[in-house]
Amino acid sequence: MRWLYFLALALTIGALGFRLVVVRGLAVPPAVERRLLLLAAAGVVGVLEVGIAAFLLRCEDVLQLPFGKFLYGDLSPISGGTRYGKVFVAMTLGFALVAAFVYLAWLLERKSFLVPALALALVFAGGLSVSGHDAVDPGSSWKSELADWVHLSAVSLWIGGLVALAIAVWPVAPSLRREVFVRFSRFATVLVALVLAAGTYLAIVRLPAFHDLWRAGYGRVLLVKLALVALVLAWGGVHRFLVQPALAGAGDGFLVRVGRSVAGESIAAIAVLLVAAVLVDSKPPQPGPSSASSRSAYAGAVGSSSWRK
């Protein structure tokens, strides 16, 4: 469920960012506009529906009730009395507004409604950052929350943009392929820099020692994620430095193969989201307690995070 949520979030933010940043100022064919709106709409509906399902599953796990009795259970102590519940309610209402703006953009055929949709999506995606490891675990601070939000936002724009390029542009707009490919390569370079910078900082915060990378379960999952990210980065590097210069005089056959390669990179990037979902469910290694006060603070943090888990 968490993987589906990350994927839906990436489709929402990525499709909106792709339309407003990557293809800004271009004569976008109606078929491309329609596909980008469909991607954004599918993403935001997924965020809402998967988010509700995940919340209910988490509540069922916390309350330890049979499903028949759970249907009549009172969830207000969780939804209104915990950090996780309050963030869930805020994010659900926020993405409902995103869905409304995407619908208005389609209904009135005005892309200006996509601007507040993207802004709201980016803001409320931060709910994951203020209710996750980087908000309640030892060593957390506003800096770790900010870094997590930057990491999540950049990844969503990057992976969602890849999917938009592969699905919304390449199959239906041959005349835009070269220009959009070059634009997205430049945009992705900035996003990758943000992903690496924020990810490096978070790894330093979450891992007390370097050997935790291979000794702790969290570190081993992180290594798998890093390996997949390296694969996607290498794939993107081939596109950026080898494929892009060859696009000027390329024939249709070459462009078709490039489209397949972009689709393959998108699938590899989606696999990164799957490992990220596993990583979020893992517990970072506990730093060695140096005093009674530090042990007390850690116990308090774990207690506050039990609802989030």
C-alpha atoms as a PDB file:
ATOM      1  CA  MET A   1       0.000   0.000   0.000  1.00  0.00           C
ATOM      2  CA  ARG A   2       2.830   2.378   0.804  1.00  0.00           C
ATOM      3  CA  TRP A   3       4.438   1.667  -2.583  1.00  0.00           C
ATOM      4  CA  LEU A   4       1.151   2.402  -4.353  1.00  0.00           C
ATOM      5  CA  TYR A   5       0.893   5.612  -2.358  1.00  0.00           C
ATOM      6  CA  PHE A   6       4.397   6.719  -3.365  1.00  0.00           C
ATOM      7  CA  LEU A   7       3.636   5.851  -6.996  1.00  0.00           C
ATOM      8  CA  ALA A   8       0.368   7.821  -6.938  1.00  0.00           C
ATOM      9  CA  LEU A   9       2.148  10.777  -5.351  1.00  0.00           C
ATOM     10  CA  ALA A  10       4.851  10.682  -8.043  1.00  0.00           C
ATOM     11  CA  LEU A  11       2.265  10.557 -10.830  1.00  0.00           C
ATOM     12  CA  THR A  12       0.410  13.545  -9.376  1.00  0.00           C
ATOM     13  CA  ILE A  13       3.391  15.789  -8.728  1.00  0.00           C
ATOM     14  CA  GLY A  14       5.379  14.557 -11.732  1.00  0.00           C
ATOM     15  CA  ALA A  15       2.626  15.032 -14.297  1.00  0.00           C
ATOM     16  CA  LEU A  16       1.776  18.519 -12.990  1.00  0.00           C
ATOM     17  CA  GLY A  17       5.423  19.555 -12.832  1.00  0.00           C
ATOM     18  CA  PHE A  18       6.072  18.157 -16.311  1.00  0.00           C
ATOM     19  CA  ARG A  19       3.221  20.219 -17.762  1.00  0.00           C
ATOM     20  CA  LEU A  20       4.100  23.436 -15.961  1.00  0.00           C
ATOM     21  CA  VAL A  21       7.902  23.297 -16.197  1.00  0.00           C
ATOM     22  CA  VAL A  22       9.151  20.955 -18.907  1.00  0.00           C
ATOM     23  CA  VAL A  23       6.705  21.739 -21.737  1.00  0.00           C
ATOM     24  CA  ARG A  24       6.011  25.311 -20.694  1.00  0.00           C
ATOM     25  CA  GLY A  25       5.828  27.642 -23.693  1.00  0.00           C
ATOM     26  CA  LEU A  26       5.528  24.839 -26.246  1.00  0.00           C
ATOM     27  CA  ALA A  27       2.553  24.230 -28.520  1.00  0.00           C
ATOM     28  CA  VAL A  28       1.249  21.166 -26.702  1.00  0.00           C
ATOM     29  CA  PRO A  29      -1.110  18.982 -28.788  1.00  0.00           C
ATOM     30  CA  PRO A  30      -4.528  18.164 -27.267  1.00  0.00           C
ATOM     31  CA  ALA A  31      -3.585  14.479 -27.032  1.00  0.00           C
ATOM     32  CA  VAL A  32      -0.605  15.314 -24.817  1.00  0.00           C
ATOM     33  CA  GLU A  33      -2.677  17.670 -22.665  1.00  0.00           C
ATOM     34  CA  ARG A  34      -5.280  14.962 -22.213  1.00  0.00           C
ATOM     35  CA  ARG A  35      -2.742  12.315 -21.243  1.00  0.00           C
ATOM     36  CA  LEU A  36      -0.983  14.578 -18.754  1.00  0.00           C
ATOM     37  CA  LEU A  37      -4.306  15.452 -17.122  1.00  0.00           C
ATOM     38  CA  LEU A  38      -5.250  11.777 -16.980  1.00  0.00           C
ATOM     39  CA  LEU A  39      -1.942  10.945 -15.320  1.00  0.00           C
ATOM     40  CA  ALA A  40      -2.398  13.714 -12.758  1.00  0.00           C
ATOM     41  CA  ALA A  41      -6.017  12.710 -12.142  1.00  0.00           C
ATOM     42  CA  ALA A  42      -5.135   9.031 -11.731  1.00  0.00           C
ATOM     43  CA  GLY A  43      -2.367  10.008  -9.349  1.00  0.00           C
ATOM     44  CA  VAL A  44      -4.448  12.240  -7.108  1.00  0.00           C
ATOM     45  CA  VAL A  45      -7.314   9.733  -6.962  1.00  0.00           C
ATOM     46  CA  GLY A  46      -4.757   7.097  -6.022  1.00  0.00           C
ATOM     47  CA  VAL A  47      -3.347   9.321  -3.275  1.00  0.00           C
ATOM     48  CA  LEU A  48      -6.821   9.745  -1.803  1.00  0.00           C
ATOM     49  CA  GLU A  49      -8.070   6.166  -2.119  1.00  0.00           C
ATOM     50  CA  VAL A  50      -4.827   4.378  -1.251  1.00  0.00           C
ATOM     51  CA  GLY A  51      -4.243   6.813   1.608  1.00  0.00           C
ATOM     52  CA  ILE A  52      -7.647   6.010   3.109  1.00  0.00           C
ATOM     53  CA  ALA A  53      -7.107   2.266   2.689  1.00  0.00           C
ATOM     54  CA  ALA A  54      -3.660   2.473   4.293  1.00  0.00           C
ATOM     55  CA  PHE A  55      -5.040   4.495   7.214  1.00  0.00           C
ATOM     56  CA  LEU A  56      -7.778   1.936   7.832  1.00  0.00           C
ATOM     57  CA  LEU A  57      -5.321  -0.949   7.697  1.00  0.00           C
ATOM     58  CA  ARG A  58      -3.058   0.819  10.177  1.00  0.00           C
ATOM     59  CA  CYS A  59      -5.978   1.519  12.502  1.00  0.00           C
ATOM     60  CA  GLU A  60      -7.095  -2.110  12.301  1.00  0.00           C
ATOM     61  CA  ASP A  61      -3.577  -3.159  13.243  1.00  0.00           C
ATOM     62  CA  VAL A  62      -3.492  -0.754  16.200  1.00  0.00           C
ATOM     63  CA  LEU A  63      -6.947  -1.639  17.530  1.00  0.00           C
ATOM     64  CA  GLN A  64      -6.505  -5.401  16.984  1.00  0.00           C
ATOM     65  CA  LEU A  65     -10.187  -5.867  16.126  1.00  0.00           C
ATOM     66  CA  PRO A  66     -11.797  -8.429  13.837  1.00  0.00           C
ATOM     67  CA  PHE A  67     -12.856  -6.841  10.578  1.00  0.00           C
ATOM     68  CA  GLY A  68     -16.571  -7.125  11.397  1.00  0.00           C
ATOM     69  CA  LYS A  69     -16.178  -5.185  14.644  1.00  0.00           C
ATOM     70  CA  PHE A  70     -13.626  -2.814  13.144  1.00  0.00           C
ATOM     71  CA  LEU A  71     -16.298  -1.514  10.736  1.00  0.00           C
ATOM     72  CA  TYR A  72     -18.086  -0.013  13.749  1.00  0.00           C
ATOM     73  CA  GLY A  73     -14.980   1.037  15.648  1.00  0.00           C
ATOM     74  CA  ASP A  74     -14.321   4.589  16.812  1.00  0.00           C
ATOM     75  CA  LEU A  75     -11.248   5.893  14.992  1.00  0.00           C
ATOM     76  CA  SER A  76     -11.400   9.420  16.394  1.00  0.00           C
ATOM     77  CA  PRO A  77      -8.729   8.789  19.089  1.00  0.00           C
ATOM     78  CA  ILE A  78      -6.308   7.958  16.264  1.00  0.00           C
ATOM     79  CA  SER A  79      -7.451  10.468  13.635  1.00  0.00           C
ATOM     80  CA  GLY A  80      -7.668  13.356  16.101  1.00  0.00           C
ATOM     81  CA  GLY A  81      -5.342  12.379  18.930  1.00  0.00           C
ATOM     82  CA  THR A  82      -2.141  11.310  17.187  1.00  0.00           C
ATOM     83  CA  ARG A  83       0.364  12.979  14.903  1.00  0.00           C
ATOM     84  CA  TYR A  84      -0.207  10.290  12.277  1.00  0.00           C
ATOM     85  CA  GLY A  85      -3.989  10.765  12.333  1.00  0.00           C
ATOM     86  CA  LYS A  86      -3.882  14.547  12.177  1.00  0.00           C
ATOM     87  CA  VAL A  87      -1.448  14.472   9.262  1.00  0.00           C
ATOM     88  CA  PHE A  88      -3.625  11.924   7.461  1.00  0.00           C
ATOM     89  CA  VAL A  89      -6.708  14.147   7.775  1.00  0.00           C
ATOM     90  CA  ALA A  90      -4.804  17.233   6.597  1.00  0.00           C
ATOM     91  CA  MET A  91      -3.275  15.424   3.624  1.00  0.00           C
ATOM     92  CA  THR A  92      -6.609  13.936   2.600  1.00  0.00           C
ATOM     93  CA  LEU A  93      -8.309  17.346   2.622  1.00  0.00           C
ATOM     94  CA  GLY A  94      -5.330  18.919   0.839  1.00  0.00           C
ATOM     95  CA  PHE A  95      -5.274  16.388  -1.983  1.00  0.00           C
ATOM     96  CA  ALA A  96      -9.047  16.672  -2.312  1.00  0.00           C
ATOM     97  CA  LEU A  97      -8.374  20.323  -3.210  1.00  0.00           C
ATOM     98  CA  VAL A  98      -5.708  19.180  -5.665  1.00  0.00           C
ATOM     99  CA  ALA A  99      -8.273  16.887  -7.295  1.00  0.00           C
ATOM    100  CA  ALA A 100     -10.715  19.798  -7.559  1.00  0.00           C
ATOM    101  CA  PHE A 101      -8.156  22.014  -9.321  1.00  0.00           C
ATOM    102  CA  VAL A 102      -7.195  19.233 -11.744  1.00  0.00           C
ATOM    103  CA  TYR A 103     -10.875  18.702 -12.515  1.00  0.00           C
ATOM    104  CA  LEU A 104     -11.399  22.426 -13.126  1.00  0.00           C
ATOM    105  CA  ALA A 105      -8.370  22.506 -15.435  1.00  0.00           C
ATOM    106  CA  TRP A 106      -9.948  19.723 -17.502  1.00  0.00           C
ATOM    107  CA  LEU A 107     -13.509  21.071 -17.365  1.00  0.00           C
ATOM    108  CA  LEU A 108     -12.666  24.679 -18.263  1.00  0.00           C
ATOM    109  CA  GLU A 109      -9.604  23.838 -20.388  1.00  0.00           C
ATOM    110  CA  ARG A 110      -7.445  26.274 -18.430  1.00  0.00           C
ATOM    111  CA  LYS A 111      -4.034  25.084 -17.382  1.00  0.00           C
ATOM    112  CA  SER A 112      -3.737  27.978 -14.917  1.00  0.00           C
ATOM    113  CA  PHE A 113      -5.627  25.802 -12.410  1.00  0.00           C
ATOM    114  CA  LEU A 114      -2.699  23.388 -12.466  1.00  0.00           C
ATOM    115  CA  VAL A 115      -0.465  25.951 -10.729  1.00  0.00           C
ATOM    116  CA  PRO A 116      -2.313  25.845  -7.363  1.00  0.00           C
ATOM    117  CA  ALA A 117      -2.755  22.091  -7.844  1.00  0.00           C
ATOM    118  CA  LEU A 118       1.015  21.575  -8.011  1.00  0.00           C
ATOM    119  CA  ALA A 119       1.688  23.987  -5.158  1.00  0.00           C
ATOM    120  CA  LEU A 120      -0.822  22.241  -2.887  1.00  0.00           C
ATOM    121  CA  ALA A 121       0.470  18.790  -3.841  1.00  0.00           C
ATOM    122  CA  LEU A 122       4.024  19.774  -2.938  1.00  0.00           C
ATOM    123  CA  VAL A 123       2.968  21.398   0.340  1.00  0.00           C
ATOM    124  CA  PHE A 124       0.780  18.529   1.552  1.00  0.00           C
ATOM    125  CA  ALA A 125       3.293  15.892   0.469  1.00  0.00           C
ATOM    126  CA  GLY A 126       5.295  17.322   3.354  1.00  0.00           C
ATOM    127  CA  GLY A 127       2.857  15.587   5.672  1.00  0.00           C
ATOM    128  CA  LEU A 128       4.870  12.408   5.188  1.00  0.00           C
ATOM    129  CA  SER A 129       7.983  14.265   6.331  1.00  0.00           C
ATOM    130  CA  VAL A 130       6.437  15.563   9.569  1.00  0.00           C
ATOM    131  CA  SER A 131       5.055  12.164  10.580  1.00  0.00           C
ATOM    132  CA  GLY A 132       7.909   9.848   9.571  1.00  0.00           C
ATOM    133  CA  HIS A 133      11.334   8.829  10.878  1.00  0.00           C
ATOM    134  CA  ASP A 134      12.764  12.280  10.267  1.00  0.00           C
ATOM    135  CA  ALA A 135      10.243  13.883  12.586  1.00  0.00           C
ATOM    136  CA  VAL A 136      10.147  11.593  15.639  1.00  0.00           C
ATOM    137  CA  ASP A 137      13.267   9.416  15.718  1.00  0.00           C
ATOM    138  CA  PRO A 138      16.410  10.367  17.699  1.00  0.00           C
ATOM    139  CA  GLY A 139      18.438  13.038  15.936  1.00  0.00           C
ATOM    140  CA  SER A 140      15.413  14.394  14.088  1.00  0.00           C
ATOM    141  CA  SER A 141      14.941  18.120  13.674  1.00  0.00           C
ATOM    142  CA  TRP A 142      13.368  20.632  11.364  1.00  0.00           C
ATOM    143  CA  LYS A 143      16.411  20.182   9.134  1.00  0.00           C
ATOM    144  CA  SER A 144      15.798  16.458   8.713  1.00  0.00           C
ATOM    145  CA  GLU A 145      12.109  17.128   8.041  1.00  0.00           C
ATOM    146  CA  LEU A 146      13.021  19.730   5.414  1.00  0.00           C
ATOM    147  CA  ALA A 147      15.578  17.410   3.811  1.00  0.00           C
ATOM    148  CA  ASP A 148      13.028  14.589   3.674  1.00  0.00           C
ATOM    149  CA  TRP A 149      10.479  16.903   2.023  1.00  0.00           C
ATOM    150  CA  VAL A 150      13.040  18.056  -0.555  1.00  0.00           C
ATOM    151  CA  HIS A 151      14.020  14.444  -1.208  1.00  0.00           C
ATOM    152  CA  LEU A 152      10.408  13.296  -1.609  1.00  0.00           C
ATOM    153  CA  SER A 153       9.416  16.244  -3.801  1.00  0.00           C
ATOM    154  CA  ALA A 154      12.428  15.946  -6.105  1.00  0.00           C
ATOM    155  CA  VAL A 155      11.979  12.180  -6.471  1.00  0.00           C
ATOM    156  CA  SER A 156       8.290  12.627  -7.283  1.00  0.00           C
ATOM    157  CA  LEU A 157       8.995  15.272  -9.922  1.00  0.00           C
ATOM    158  CA  TRP A 158      11.779  13.150 -11.415  1.00  0.00           C
ATOM    159  CA  ILE A 159      10.053   9.760 -11.539  1.00  0.00           C
ATOM    160  CA  GLY A 160       6.628  11.165 -12.362  1.00  0.00           C
ATOM    161  CA  GLY A 161       8.212  13.251 -15.121  1.00  0.00           C
ATOM    162  CA  LEU A 162       9.867  10.145 -16.578  1.00  0.00           C
ATOM    163  CA  VAL A 163       6.507   8.389 -16.704  1.00  0.00           C
ATOM    164  CA  ALA A 164       4.909  11.457 -18.305  1.00  0.00           C
ATOM    165  CA  LEU A 165       7.657  11.580 -20.949  1.00  0.00           C
ATOM    166  CA  ALA A 166       7.226   7.881 -21.739  1.00  0.00           C
ATOM    167  CA  ILE A 167       3.410   7.829 -21.754  1.00  0.00           C
ATOM    168  CA  ALA A 168       2.154  11.315 -22.582  1.00  0.00           C
ATOM    169  CA  VAL A 169       4.712  12.649 -25.084  1.00  0.00           C
ATOM    170  CA  TRP A 170       6.662   9.925 -26.845  1.00  0.00           C
ATOM    171  CA  PRO A 171       3.750   7.871 -28.265  1.00  0.00           C
ATOM    172  CA  VAL A 172       1.547  10.737 -29.518  1.00  0.00           C
ATOM    173  CA  ALA A 173       3.757  13.775 -30.191  1.00  0.00           C
ATOM    174  CA  PRO A 174       6.715  12.887 -32.483  1.00  0.00           C
ATOM    175  CA  SER A 175       7.322  16.554 -33.269  1.00  0.00           C
ATOM    176  CA  LEU A 176       7.982  17.322 -29.587  1.00  0.00           C
ATOM    177  CA  ARG A 177      10.231  14.373 -28.775  1.00  0.00           C
ATOM    178  CA  ARG A 178      13.616  16.026 -29.289  1.00  0.00           C
ATOM    179  CA  GLU A 179      12.809  19.337 -27.620  1.00  0.00           C
ATOM    180  CA  VAL A 180      11.014  17.791 -24.648  1.00  0.00           C
ATOM    181  CA  PHE A 181      13.752  15.188 -24.179  1.00  0.00           C
ATOM    182  CA  VAL A 182      16.393  17.916 -23.962  1.00  0.00           C
ATOM    183  CA  ARG A 183      14.280  20.007 -21.585  1.00  0.00           C
ATOM    184  CA  PHE A 184      13.526  17.106 -19.297  1.00  0.00           C
ATOM    185  CA  SER A 185      17.208  16.103 -19.210  1.00  0.00           C
ATOM    186  CA  ARG A 186      18.111  19.560 -17.924  1.00  0.00           C
ATOM    187  CA  PHE A 187      15.262  19.532 -15.404  1.00  0.00           C
ATOM    188  CA  ALA A 188      16.177  16.035 -14.218  1.00  0.00           C
ATOM    189  CA  THR A 189      19.795  17.091 -13.642  1.00  0.00           C
ATOM    190  CA  VAL A 190      18.649  19.658 -11.066  1.00  0.00           C
ATOM    191  CA  LEU A 191      16.264  17.158  -9.457  1.00  0.00           C
ATOM    192  CA  VAL A 192      18.937  14.464  -9.203  1.00  0.00           C
ATOM    193  CA  ALA A 193      21.294  16.928  -7.492  1.00  0.00           C
ATOM    194  CA  LEU A 194      18.587  17.682  -4.907  1.00  0.00           C
ATOM    195  CA  VAL A 195      17.839  13.979  -4.425  1.00  0.00           C
ATOM    196  CA  LEU A 196      21.502  13.127  -3.826  1.00  0.00           C
ATOM    197  CA  ALA A 197      22.158  16.078  -1.508  1.00  0.00           C
ATOM    198  CA  ALA A 198      19.067  15.488   0.640  1.00  0.00           C
ATOM    199  CA  GLY A 199      19.505  11.705   0.608  1.00  0.00           C
ATOM    200  CA  THR A 200      23.126  11.932   1.735  1.00  0.00           C
ATOM    201  CA  TYR A 201      22.200  14.201   4.640  1.00  0.00           C
ATOM    202  CA  LEU A 202      19.354  11.888   5.710  1.00  0.00           C
ATOM    203  CA  ALA A 203      21.601   8.820   5.571  1.00  0.00           C
ATOM    204  CA  ILE A 204      24.100  10.552   7.862  1.00  0.00           C
ATOM    205  CA  VAL A 205      21.308  11.455  10.299  1.00  0.00           C
ATOM    206  CA  ARG A 206      19.692   8.015  10.304  1.00  0.00           C
ATOM    207  CA  LEU A 207      22.829   5.859  10.501  1.00  0.00           C
ATOM    208  CA  PRO A 208      24.876   6.416  13.687  1.00  0.00           C
ATOM    209  CA  ALA A 209      27.903   4.578  12.227  1.00  0.00           C
ATOM    210  CA  PHE A 210      29.114   3.829   8.722  1.00  0.00           C
ATOM    211  CA  HIS A 211      29.139   0.056   9.334  1.00  0.00           C
ATOM    212  CA  ASP A 212      25.381   0.220   9.974  1.00  0.00           C
ATOM    213  CA  LEU A 213      25.050   0.201   6.183  1.00  0.00           C
ATOM    214  CA  TRP A 214      25.753  -3.540   6.127  1.00  0.00           C
ATOM    215  CA  ARG A 215      25.149  -4.543   9.750  1.00  0.00           C
ATOM    216  CA  ALA A 216      21.681  -3.068  10.334  1.00  0.00           C
ATOM    217  CA  GLY A 217      18.582  -4.184   8.472  1.00  0.00           C
ATOM    218  CA  TYR A 218      17.751  -0.584   7.685  1.00  0.00           C
ATOM    219  CA  GLY A 219      21.208  -0.059   6.215  1.00  0.00           C
ATOM    220  CA  ARG A 220      20.966  -3.166   4.031  1.00  0.00           C
ATOM    221  CA  VAL A 221      17.637  -2.021   2.581  1.00  0.00           C
ATOM    222  CA  LEU A 222      19.221   1.385   2.009  1.00  0.00           C
ATOM    223  CA  LEU A 223      22.058  -0.289   0.090  1.00  0.00           C
ATOM    224  CA  VAL A 224      19.537  -1.986  -2.195  1.00  0.00           C
ATOM    225  CA  LYS A 225      17.858   1.343  -2.770  1.00  0.00           C
ATOM    226  CA  LEU A 226      21.184   3.015  -3.520  1.00  0.00           C
ATOM    227  CA  ALA A 227      22.038   0.284  -6.027  1.00  0.00           C
ATOM    228  CA  LEU A 228      18.747   0.813  -7.873  1.00  0.00           C
ATOM    229  CA  VAL A 229      19.200   4.587  -7.779  1.00  0.00           C
ATOM    230  CA  ALA A 230      22.696   4.146  -9.241  1.00  0.00           C
ATOM    231  CA  LEU A 231      21.184   2.046 -12.036  1.00  0.00           C
ATOM    232  CA  VAL A 232      18.594   4.704 -12.840  1.00  0.00           C
ATOM    233  CA  LEU A 233      21.235   7.447 -12.681  1.00  0.00           C
ATOM    234  CA  ALA A 234      23.525   5.529 -15.044  1.00  0.00           C
ATOM    235  CA  TRP A 235      20.586   4.977 -17.388  1.00  0.00           C
ATOM    236  CA  GLY A 236      19.769   8.657 -17.287  1.00  0.00           C
ATOM    237  CA  GLY A 237      23.428   9.532 -17.832  1.00  0.00           C
ATOM    238  CA  VAL A 238      23.449   7.491 -21.042  1.00  0.00           C
ATOM    239  CA  HIS A 239      20.381   9.396 -22.194  1.00  0.00           C
ATOM    240  CA  ARG A 240      21.876  12.745 -21.205  1.00  0.00           C
ATOM    241  CA  PHE A 241      25.377  12.403 -22.640  1.00  0.00           C
ATOM    242  CA  LEU A 242      25.050   9.842 -25.435  1.00  0.00           C
ATOM    243  CA  VAL A 243      21.477   9.822 -26.674  1.00  0.00           C
ATOM    244  CA  GLN A 244      20.721  13.541 -26.461  1.00  0.00           C
ATOM    245  CA  PRO A 245      23.555  14.653 -28.820  1.00  0.00           C
ATOM    246  CA  ALA A 246      22.470  11.999 -31.329  1.00  0.00           C
ATOM    247  CA  LEU A 247      18.855  13.180 -31.459  1.00  0.00           C
ATOM    248  CA  ALA A 248      19.527  16.024 -33.933  1.00  0.00           C
ATOM    249  CA  GLY A 249      19.962  13.798 -36.963  1.00  0.00           C
ATOM    250  CA  ALA A 250      18.211  10.695 -35.688  1.00  0.00           C
ATOM    251  CA  GLY A 251      15.667   8.795 -37.747  1.00  0.00           C
ATOM    252  CA  ASP A 252      12.316   7.444 -36.641  1.00  0.00           C
ATOM    253  CA  GLY A 253      13.734   4.011 -35.809  1.00  0.00           C
ATOM    254  CA  PHE A 254      16.258   5.484 -33.392  1.00  0.00           C
ATOM    255  CA  LEU A 255      13.577   7.608 -31.739  1.00  0.00           C
ATOM    256  CA  VAL A 256      11.389   4.545 -31.245  1.00  0.00           C
ATOM    257  CA  ARG A 257      14.246   2.749 -29.492  1.00  0.00           C
ATOM    258  CA  VAL A 258      14.855   5.820 -27.323  1.00  0.00           C
ATOM    259  CA  GLY A 259      11.194   5.745 -26.303  1.00  0.00           C
ATOM    260  CA  ARG A 260      11.542   2.126 -25.225  1.00  0.00           C
ATOM    261  CA  SER A 261      14.656   3.017 -23.263  1.00  0.00           C
ATOM    262  CA  VAL A 262      12.831   5.859 -21.486  1.00  0.00           C
ATOM    263  CA  ALA A 263      10.032   3.430 -20.601  1.00  0.00           C
ATOM    264  CA  GLY A 264      12.630   1.023 -19.190  1.00  0.00           C
ATOM    265  CA  GLU A 265      14.177   3.776 -17.099  1.00  0.00           C
ATOM    266  CA  SER A 266      10.699   4.626 -15.790  1.00  0.00           C
ATOM    267  CA  ILE A 267      10.133   1.025 -14.694  1.00  0.00           C
ATOM    268  CA  ALA A 268      13.492   0.954 -12.912  1.00  0.00           C
ATOM    269  CA  ALA A 269      12.608   4.229 -11.172  1.00  0.00           C
ATOM    270  CA  ILE A 270       9.261   2.781 -10.042  1.00  0.00           C
ATOM    271  CA  ALA A 271      11.212  -0.125  -8.536  1.00  0.00           C
ATOM    272  CA  VAL A 272      13.127   2.475  -6.493  1.00  0.00           C
ATOM    273  CA  LEU A 273       9.774   3.566  -5.008  1.00  0.00           C
ATOM    274  CA  LEU A 274       9.057  -0.027  -4.008  1.00  0.00           C
ATOM    275  CA  VAL A 275      12.344  -0.287  -2.086  1.00  0.00           C
ATOM    276  CA  ALA A 276      11.687   3.151  -0.588  1.00  0.00           C
ATOM    277  CA  ALA A 277       8.355   1.848   0.726  1.00  0.00           C
ATOM    278  CA  VAL A 278      10.183  -1.054   2.409  1.00  0.00           C
ATOM    279  CA  LEU A 279      12.775   1.370   3.804  1.00  0.00           C
ATOM    280  CA  VAL A 280      10.123   3.588   5.397  1.00  0.00           C
ATOM    281  CA  ASP A 281       8.729   0.528   7.192  1.00  0.00           C
ATOM    282  CA  SER A 282      12.183  -0.342   8.555  1.00  0.00           C
ATOM    283  CA  LYS A 283      13.523   0.962  11.843  1.00  0.00           C
ATOM    284  CA  PRO A 284      16.765   2.974  11.683  1.00  0.00           C
ATOM    285  CA  PRO A 285      19.478   1.660  14.024  1.00  0.00           C
ATOM    286  CA  GLN A 286      19.403   3.033  17.547  1.00  0.00           C
ATOM    287  CA  PRO A 287      22.321   5.292  18.486  1.00  0.00           C
ATOM    288  CA  GLY A 288      24.277   4.232  21.542  1.00  0.00           C
ATOM    289  CA  PRO A 289      22.793   5.955  24.610  1.00  0.00           C
ATOM    290  CA  SER A 290      25.286   8.245  26.266  1.00  0.00           C
ATOM    291  CA  SER A 291      23.212   9.200  29.261  1.00  0.00           C
ATOM    292  CA  ALA A 292      19.968   8.494  31.043  1.00  0.00           C
ATOM    293  CA  SER A 293      18.453  11.592  29.538  1.00  0.00           C
ATOM    294  CA  SER A 294      19.246  10.430  26.023  1.00  0.00           C
ATOM    295  CA  ARG A 295      17.655   7.034  26.770  1.00  0.00           C
ATOM    296  CA  SER A 296      14.571   8.784  28.134  1.00  0.00           C
ATOM    297  CA  ALA A 297      14.334  11.005  25.070  1.00  0.00           C
ATOM    298  CA  TYR A 298      14.641   7.995  22.790  1.00  0.00           C
ATOM    299  CA  ALA A 299      11.902   6.131  24.663  1.00  0.00           C
ATOM    300  CA  GLY A 300       9.636   9.157  24.319  1.00  0.00           C
ATOM    301  CA  ALA A 301      10.318   9.377  20.611  1.00  0.00           C
ATOM    302  CA  VAL A 302       9.558   5.679  20.110  1.00  0.00           C
ATOM    303  CA  GLY A 303       6.357   6.044  22.082  1.00  0.00           C
ATOM    304  CA  SER A 304       5.213   8.975  19.969  1.00  0.00           C
ATOM    305  CA  SER A 305       6.084   7.114  16.794  1.00  0.00           C
ATOM    306  CA  SER A 306       4.125   3.974  17.713  1.00  0.00           C
ATOM    307  CA  TRP A 307       0.945   5.536  16.348  1.00  0.00           C
ATOM    308  CA  ARG A 308       2.754   6.509  13.162  1.00  0.00           C
ATOM    309  CA  LYS A 309       3.901   2.925  12.714  1.00  0.00           C
END
